[in-house]
Amino acid sequence: MNTLLLPASDDSVAQAADLIKNGELVGFPTETVYGLGADALNARAVLDIFAAKGRPADNPLIVHIARWEEMEPLCHVNGMARKLADAFWPGPLTLILPKKELVPREVTAGLDSVAIRMPSHPVARALIEKSGCPIAAPSGNRSGRPSPTLARHMMEDMDGRIPLILDGGPCDVGVESTVVALTGDVATVLRPGGVTPEMIAAVLGEVQVADSVMRPLKEGEAAPSPGMKHKHYAPKAHMTLYEGEAEAVARRIKEEYDCLDGAEKGLILAASGHLALYGSRSCADLGQDEWAAAHNIFALLRQADADGVTRVFSESWPENGVGLAVMNRMARAAGFDIVQV
């Protein structure tokens, strides 16, 4: 298959919508990361998503809509959902609600709930509207790889696997949407993202964060949200996170970096204000704060792969605000190899 990479325009979005209508897959930009989309109501097309990604079929997908009224046929809506949608939609927030029969079980990995999001990216919204159907879409990478925040990242993973990728420029947020379950009495964050637990609590008054956000799921434990069950976001290199005071972390990282043998190539990921602590060693700038780190992390991991890096040593971020989302992604990318300094 010849994969086209086209700048997003009225014509290319219409071409992509025709593919969706015909049961094909399309890569498209959102404000979080690039997605791999298909008609959410076409079970065969949904299965093609799993095949193209090499994604385990027990990992649920997110259904993307463009208007509130498109939600009603898909799930049972409650008051918490309406409040959060009013506050954060369109935007990087996914709501998990009890599904209706219209949604194929292939989308939900057999669960009785469905994840729904209204993206804010104009290309994503135009594609949904022109396709005339909700679009099921995980991130547009091969399963387990860092998510794509540029169209060329998606092309690296999906060239020859899908017919078309729409190039809408770099993604603003840089990490996948916040996923919050609204199937119980209290909203529960299952995957942190750009809409933080603190922001959700300000709307609802109460929110829980699942303990699985910062640990691997146990053997046999169900994955109620994308990005939880299997190893995600990982570079080809072995990655380790270091937590502690900045100068102590820098000393430990430098010690381990300097022990690499000649066959290994190391890279240090550090906050902008800490780069000077590492001297002439190979470093990449995570950014000045957690929002910058969220925007940069996946692109840096992909660049590490392109540069042949075999060992990544990374600083950590406080697990509050969007820092929780950054640490969730980095911990899973590192396979939870976290060193307390």
Protein backbone atom coordinates (compact mmCIF):
# COMPACT_ATOMS: atom_id res chain seq x y z
CA MET A 1 0.00 0.00 0.00
CA ASN A 2 1.22 3.49 -0.87
CA THR A 3 0.59 5.86 2.05
CA LEU A 4 -0.09 9.47 1.10
CA LEU A 5 1.03 12.27 3.43
CA LEU A 6 -1.01 15.34 2.52
CA PRO A 7 -1.22 18.81 4.06
CA ALA A 8 -4.61 19.25 5.67
CA SER A 9 -6.93 21.19 3.36
CA ASP A 10 -10.59 21.10 2.39
CA ASP A 11 -9.76 18.73 -0.46
CA SER A 12 -7.53 16.36 1.53
CA VAL A 13 -9.97 16.25 4.46
CA ALA A 14 -12.77 15.39 2.01
CA GLN A 15 -10.55 12.65 0.56
CA ALA A 16 -9.90 11.33 4.06
CA ALA A 17 -13.62 11.41 4.90
CA ASP A 18 -14.40 9.34 1.81
CA LEU A 19 -11.88 6.75 2.98
CA ILE A 20 -13.49 6.63 6.43
CA LYS A 21 -16.94 6.19 4.86
CA ASN A 22 -15.57 3.27 2.83
CA GLY A 23 -14.20 1.47 5.89
CA GLU A 24 -10.57 2.57 5.49
CA LEU A 25 -8.12 3.98 8.05
CA VAL A 26 -6.83 7.56 8.13
CA GLY A 27 -4.17 9.33 10.18
CA PHE A 28 -5.19 12.76 11.44
CA PRO A 29 -4.02 15.43 13.89
CA THR A 30 -5.64 16.28 17.22
CA GLU A 31 -4.55 18.78 19.85
CA THR A 32 -3.08 15.89 21.89
CA VAL A 33 -1.32 13.50 19.47
CA TYR A 34 -1.95 12.17 15.97
CA GLY A 35 -4.69 9.54 15.79
CA LEU A 36 -5.38 6.49 13.64
CA GLY A 37 -9.06 6.71 12.79
CA ALA A 38 -11.85 4.54 11.42
CA ASP A 39 -15.65 4.57 11.45
CA ALA A 40 -16.45 3.70 15.08
CA LEU A 41 -19.67 1.95 14.04
CA ASN A 42 -17.94 -0.32 11.51
CA ALA A 43 -16.63 -3.33 13.46
CA ARG A 44 -14.45 -4.58 10.59
CA ALA A 45 -12.79 -1.18 10.17
CA VAL A 46 -12.18 -1.01 13.91
CA LEU A 47 -10.44 -4.38 13.82
CA ASP A 48 -8.20 -2.99 11.07
CA ILE A 49 -6.98 -0.36 13.55
CA PHE A 50 -5.73 -3.09 15.87
CA ALA A 51 -4.04 -4.86 12.96
CA ALA A 52 -2.32 -1.71 11.65
CA LYS A 53 -0.99 -0.82 15.10
CA GLY A 54 -0.20 -4.36 16.22
CA ARG A 55 -2.37 -3.41 19.20
CA PRO A 56 -3.78 -6.04 21.57
CA ALA A 57 -7.55 -6.35 21.14
CA ASP A 58 -8.12 -6.05 24.89
CA ASN A 59 -7.06 -2.39 24.80
CA PRO A 60 -10.15 -0.15 24.34
CA LEU A 61 -10.35 2.72 21.84
CA ILE A 62 -11.63 6.29 22.18
CA VAL A 63 -14.59 7.41 20.09
CA HIS A 64 -14.25 10.97 18.74
CA ILE A 65 -17.28 13.18 18.08
CA ALA A 66 -17.71 16.73 16.78
CA ARG A 67 -20.99 17.73 18.45
CA TRP A 68 -22.68 17.02 21.77
CA GLU A 69 -25.77 15.53 20.14
CA GLU A 70 -23.59 12.81 18.57
CA MET A 71 -22.92 11.48 22.08
CA GLU A 72 -26.49 10.55 22.99
CA PRO A 73 -26.80 7.48 20.69
CA LEU A 74 -23.47 6.10 21.95
CA CYS A 75 -23.74 6.14 25.74
CA HIS A 76 -25.86 6.87 28.80
CA VAL A 77 -25.06 10.45 29.81
CA ASN A 78 -25.13 11.66 33.41
CA GLY A 79 -24.86 15.01 35.16
CA MET A 80 -21.11 14.74 35.77
CA ALA A 81 -20.54 14.24 32.05
CA ARG A 82 -22.57 17.32 31.18
CA LYS A 83 -20.65 19.48 33.65
CA LEU A 84 -17.25 18.29 32.42
CA ALA A 85 -18.24 18.62 28.76
CA ASP A 86 -19.46 22.17 29.38
CA ALA A 87 -16.15 23.01 31.04
CA PHE A 88 -13.60 21.24 28.84
CA TRP A 89 -15.10 20.26 25.47
CA PRO A 90 -13.93 20.55 22.84
CA GLY A 91 -10.56 19.66 24.34
CA PRO A 92 -8.20 16.99 25.70
CA LEU A 93 -10.68 15.18 27.97
CA THR A 94 -12.14 11.70 27.42
CA LEU A 95 -15.24 10.60 29.33
CA ILE A 96 -15.98 6.94 30.08
CA LEU A 97 -19.70 6.20 30.34
CA PRO A 98 -21.99 3.16 30.07
CA LYS A 99 -22.24 2.21 26.38
CA LYS A 100 -25.33 1.74 24.28
CA GLU A 101 -25.85 -1.15 21.85
CA LEU A 102 -24.91 0.99 18.84
CA VAL A 103 -21.22 0.87 19.80
CA PRO A 104 -19.49 -2.33 18.61
CA ARG A 105 -17.79 -4.33 21.35
CA GLU A 106 -14.64 -4.28 19.23
CA VAL A 107 -14.33 -0.57 20.14
CA THR A 108 -14.66 -1.14 23.89
CA ALA A 109 -12.57 -4.34 24.14
CA GLY A 110 -15.70 -6.08 25.38
CA LEU A 111 -16.30 -3.62 28.22
CA ASP A 112 -19.78 -2.29 28.97
CA SER A 113 -18.47 1.28 28.94
CA VAL A 114 -17.24 3.48 26.10
CA ALA A 115 -14.65 6.28 26.02
CA ILE A 116 -15.77 9.43 24.19
CA ARG A 117 -13.97 12.66 23.37
CA MET A 118 -14.68 15.86 21.45
CA PRO A 119 -11.32 17.09 20.08
CA SER A 120 -10.63 20.79 19.58
CA HIS A 121 -8.28 20.49 16.59
CA PRO A 122 -10.05 21.97 13.55
CA VAL A 123 -8.81 19.24 11.21
CA ALA A 124 -10.07 16.48 13.51
CA ARG A 125 -13.46 18.16 13.83
CA ALA A 126 -13.76 18.72 10.09
CA LEU A 127 -12.89 15.07 9.41
CA ILE A 128 -15.55 13.82 11.84
CA GLU A 129 -18.18 16.12 10.38
CA LYS A 130 -17.41 15.26 6.75
CA SER A 131 -17.24 11.54 7.52
CA GLY A 132 -20.73 11.65 9.00
CA CYS A 133 -19.86 9.17 11.77
CA PRO A 134 -18.05 9.01 15.08
CA ILE A 135 -14.39 8.09 14.61
CA ALA A 136 -12.65 5.50 16.78
CA ALA A 137 -9.00 6.41 17.11
CA PRO A 138 -6.05 5.45 19.28
CA SER A 139 -2.71 7.23 18.90
CA GLY A 140 -1.24 6.75 15.44
CA ASN A 141 1.91 4.83 16.40
CA ARG A 142 2.81 1.16 16.30
CA SER A 143 1.76 -0.40 19.59
CA GLY A 144 4.19 0.33 22.42
CA ARG A 145 6.09 3.07 20.57
CA PRO A 146 6.16 6.77 21.52
CA SER A 147 3.02 8.52 20.33
CA PRO A 148 3.30 10.76 17.22
CA THR A 149 3.10 14.52 17.70
CA LEU A 150 4.11 15.28 14.10
CA ALA A 151 2.73 13.78 10.90
CA ARG A 152 6.19 12.49 9.97
CA HIS A 153 6.29 10.55 13.25
CA MET A 154 3.11 8.78 12.22
CA MET A 155 4.50 8.19 8.73
CA GLU A 156 7.50 6.43 10.31
CA ASP A 157 5.19 3.88 11.90
CA MET A 158 2.30 3.66 9.43
CA ASP A 159 3.90 3.99 5.99
CA GLY A 160 2.49 1.19 3.85
CA ARG A 161 -0.14 0.27 6.44
CA ILE A 162 -2.83 2.91 5.79
CA PRO A 163 -3.81 4.92 2.70
CA LEU A 164 -3.59 8.51 4.01
CA ILE A 165 -2.19 10.72 6.77
CA LEU A 166 -3.36 14.34 7.10
CA ASP A 167 -0.58 16.73 8.14
CA GLY A 168 -2.00 19.38 10.46
CA GLY A 169 1.30 20.51 11.97
CA PRO A 170 2.62 19.83 15.49
CA CYS A 171 0.21 18.84 18.25
CA ASP A 172 -0.25 21.50 20.92
CA VAL A 173 -0.58 19.40 24.09
CA GLY A 174 1.79 16.55 23.19
CA VAL A 175 0.37 13.80 25.43
CA GLU A 176 -2.88 11.90 25.04
CA SER A 177 -6.14 13.11 26.55
CA THR A 178 -7.10 12.79 30.19
CA VAL A 179 -9.40 9.78 30.64
CA VAL A 180 -11.95 10.04 33.44
CA ALA A 181 -14.43 7.30 34.34
CA LEU A 182 -17.94 8.51 35.17
CA THR A 183 -19.48 5.08 35.76
CA GLY A 184 -19.54 5.36 39.57
CA ASP A 185 -20.52 7.91 42.17
CA VAL A 186 -17.16 9.73 42.01
CA ALA A 187 -15.23 10.70 38.87
CA THR A 188 -11.99 8.71 38.61
CA VAL A 189 -8.99 9.71 36.49
CA LEU A 190 -7.65 6.60 34.77
CA ARG A 191 -5.13 8.35 32.52
CA PRO A 192 -3.85 11.86 33.29
CA GLY A 193 -3.46 14.45 30.55
CA GLY A 194 -3.85 18.14 29.80
CA VAL A 195 -7.04 18.42 31.86
CA THR A 196 -5.65 17.84 35.35
CA PRO A 197 -7.33 16.25 38.38
CA GLU A 198 -7.23 19.67 40.03
CA MET A 199 -9.17 21.18 37.10
CA ILE A 200 -11.76 18.38 37.24
CA ALA A 201 -12.17 18.78 41.01
CA ALA A 202 -12.82 22.49 40.52
CA VAL A 203 -15.85 21.57 38.37
CA LEU A 204 -17.21 18.51 40.19
CA GLY A 205 -16.02 19.20 43.73
CA GLU A 206 -14.53 15.71 44.04
CA VAL A 207 -12.31 13.47 41.94
CA GLN A 208 -10.23 10.35 42.50
CA VAL A 209 -7.02 9.33 40.73
CA ALA A 210 -6.74 5.59 40.12
CA ASP A 211 -3.71 4.06 41.81
CA SER A 212 -2.92 2.31 38.52
CA VAL A 213 -1.88 5.68 37.03
CA MET A 214 1.60 5.24 38.47
CA ARG A 215 1.97 1.47 38.51
CA PRO A 216 1.77 -1.35 35.95
CA LEU A 217 -1.49 -3.29 35.90
CA LYS A 218 -1.37 -6.64 37.67
CA GLU A 219 -1.54 -9.94 35.83
CA GLY A 220 -5.14 -10.46 34.71
CA GLU A 221 -6.24 -6.95 35.74
CA ALA A 222 -8.61 -5.40 33.18
CA ALA A 223 -7.64 -2.20 31.37
CA PRO A 224 -10.61 0.20 31.65
CA SER A 225 -8.73 2.91 29.74
CA PRO A 226 -6.34 3.14 26.79
CA GLY A 227 -2.69 3.47 27.77
CA MET A 228 -2.86 1.28 30.87
CA LYS A 229 -2.45 -2.41 30.23
CA HIS A 230 0.51 -2.94 27.94
CA LYS A 231 3.90 -1.26 27.76
CA HIS A 232 3.45 2.11 26.11
CA TYR A 233 5.38 5.06 24.74
CA ALA A 234 8.74 3.27 24.89
CA PRO A 235 11.87 4.19 22.92
CA LYS A 236 14.11 1.44 21.61
CA ALA A 237 16.68 2.42 24.23
CA HIS A 238 16.49 1.27 27.84
CA MET A 239 15.16 4.22 29.84
CA THR A 240 15.53 4.96 33.56
CA LEU A 241 13.88 7.73 35.59
CA TYR A 242 15.58 9.35 38.58
CA GLU A 243 13.62 11.03 41.36
CA GLY A 244 15.09 13.32 43.99
CA GLU A 245 16.73 16.71 44.52
CA ALA A 246 18.10 18.11 41.26
CA GLU A 247 21.82 18.17 42.11
CA ALA A 248 21.72 14.70 43.67
CA VAL A 249 19.89 13.33 40.63
CA ALA A 250 22.45 14.94 38.33
CA ARG A 251 25.34 13.35 40.23
CA ARG A 252 23.74 9.90 40.01
CA ILE A 253 22.91 10.25 36.33
CA LYS A 254 26.44 11.43 35.51
CA GLU A 255 27.94 8.47 37.37
CA GLU A 256 25.86 5.98 35.41
CA TYR A 257 26.26 7.82 32.11
CA ASP A 258 30.05 7.78 32.53
CA CYS A 259 30.00 4.00 33.08
CA LEU A 260 28.60 3.31 29.59
CA ASP A 261 30.92 1.19 27.46
CA GLY A 262 31.99 2.08 23.96
CA ALA A 263 29.16 0.13 22.35
CA GLU A 264 26.48 2.16 24.12
CA LYS A 265 25.17 5.63 23.31
CA GLY A 266 23.63 7.60 26.15
CA LEU A 267 21.22 10.53 26.32
CA ILE A 268 20.20 12.59 29.34
CA LEU A 269 16.74 14.18 29.45
CA ALA A 270 16.77 17.20 31.74
CA ALA A 271 14.79 20.32 32.54
CA SER A 272 16.04 23.51 30.87
CA GLY A 273 17.36 24.92 34.14
CA HIS A 274 19.36 21.78 34.91
CA LEU A 275 21.22 21.25 31.62
CA ALA A 276 24.35 22.99 32.88
CA LEU A 277 24.67 20.36 35.62
CA TYR A 278 25.61 17.74 33.01
CA GLY A 279 28.56 19.47 31.38
CA SER A 280 29.43 18.26 27.89
CA ARG A 281 27.46 15.02 28.11
CA SER A 282 24.77 14.42 25.49
CA CYS A 283 21.55 16.04 26.74
CA ALA A 284 18.10 16.89 25.44
CA ASP A 285 15.98 19.70 26.83
CA LEU A 286 12.65 18.55 28.30
CA GLY A 287 11.61 22.18 28.76
CA GLN A 288 11.30 24.78 31.46
CA ASP A 289 8.19 23.31 33.09
CA GLU A 290 5.84 20.32 33.03
CA TRP A 291 3.70 21.77 30.21
CA ALA A 292 6.78 22.05 28.00
CA ALA A 293 7.82 18.53 29.00
CA ALA A 294 4.40 17.20 28.00
CA HIS A 295 4.76 18.89 24.61
CA ASN A 296 8.34 17.63 24.08
CA ILE A 297 8.64 14.15 25.57
CA PHE A 298 7.42 11.95 22.70
CA ALA A 299 9.35 13.87 20.05
CA LEU A 300 12.53 13.56 22.15
CA LEU A 301 12.08 9.80 22.55
CA ARG A 302 11.57 9.40 18.81
CA GLN A 303 14.65 11.50 18.10
CA ALA A 304 16.62 9.29 20.49
CA ASP A 305 15.63 6.28 18.39
CA ALA A 306 16.63 8.08 15.20
CA ASP A 307 20.02 8.91 16.73
CA GLY A 308 20.71 5.32 17.78
CA VAL A 309 20.61 6.01 21.52
CA THR A 310 20.78 2.83 23.61
CA ARG A 311 20.41 4.29 27.15
CA VAL A 312 18.18 7.16 28.26
CA PHE A 313 18.68 8.73 31.70
CA SER A 314 15.84 11.06 32.60
CA GLU A 315 15.01 13.54 35.32
CA SER A 316 11.49 13.40 36.78
CA TRP A 317 8.70 15.88 37.47
CA PRO A 318 6.50 16.41 40.54
CA GLU A 319 3.34 14.31 40.23
CA ASN A 320 0.85 17.15 40.39
CA GLY A 321 -0.94 19.16 37.74
CA VAL A 322 0.10 18.12 34.25
CA GLY A 323 3.30 16.75 35.81
CA LEU A 324 1.27 13.66 36.68
CA ALA A 325 0.58 13.12 32.96
CA VAL A 326 4.27 13.55 32.12
CA MET A 327 5.32 11.07 34.79
CA ASN A 328 2.63 8.57 33.75
CA ARG A 329 4.00 8.54 30.20
CA MET A 330 7.64 8.53 31.22
CA ALA A 331 7.19 5.77 33.80
CA ARG A 332 5.52 3.53 31.24
CA ALA A 333 8.15 4.39 28.62
CA ALA A 334 10.76 3.30 31.17
CA GLY A 335 8.88 0.14 32.10
CA PHE A 336 8.68 1.58 35.63
CA ASP A 337 12.48 1.52 36.01
CA ILE A 338 12.53 4.39 38.55
CA VAL A 339 15.47 5.15 40.83
CA GLN A 340 14.97 7.08 44.08
CA VAL A 341 18.07 9.22 44.68
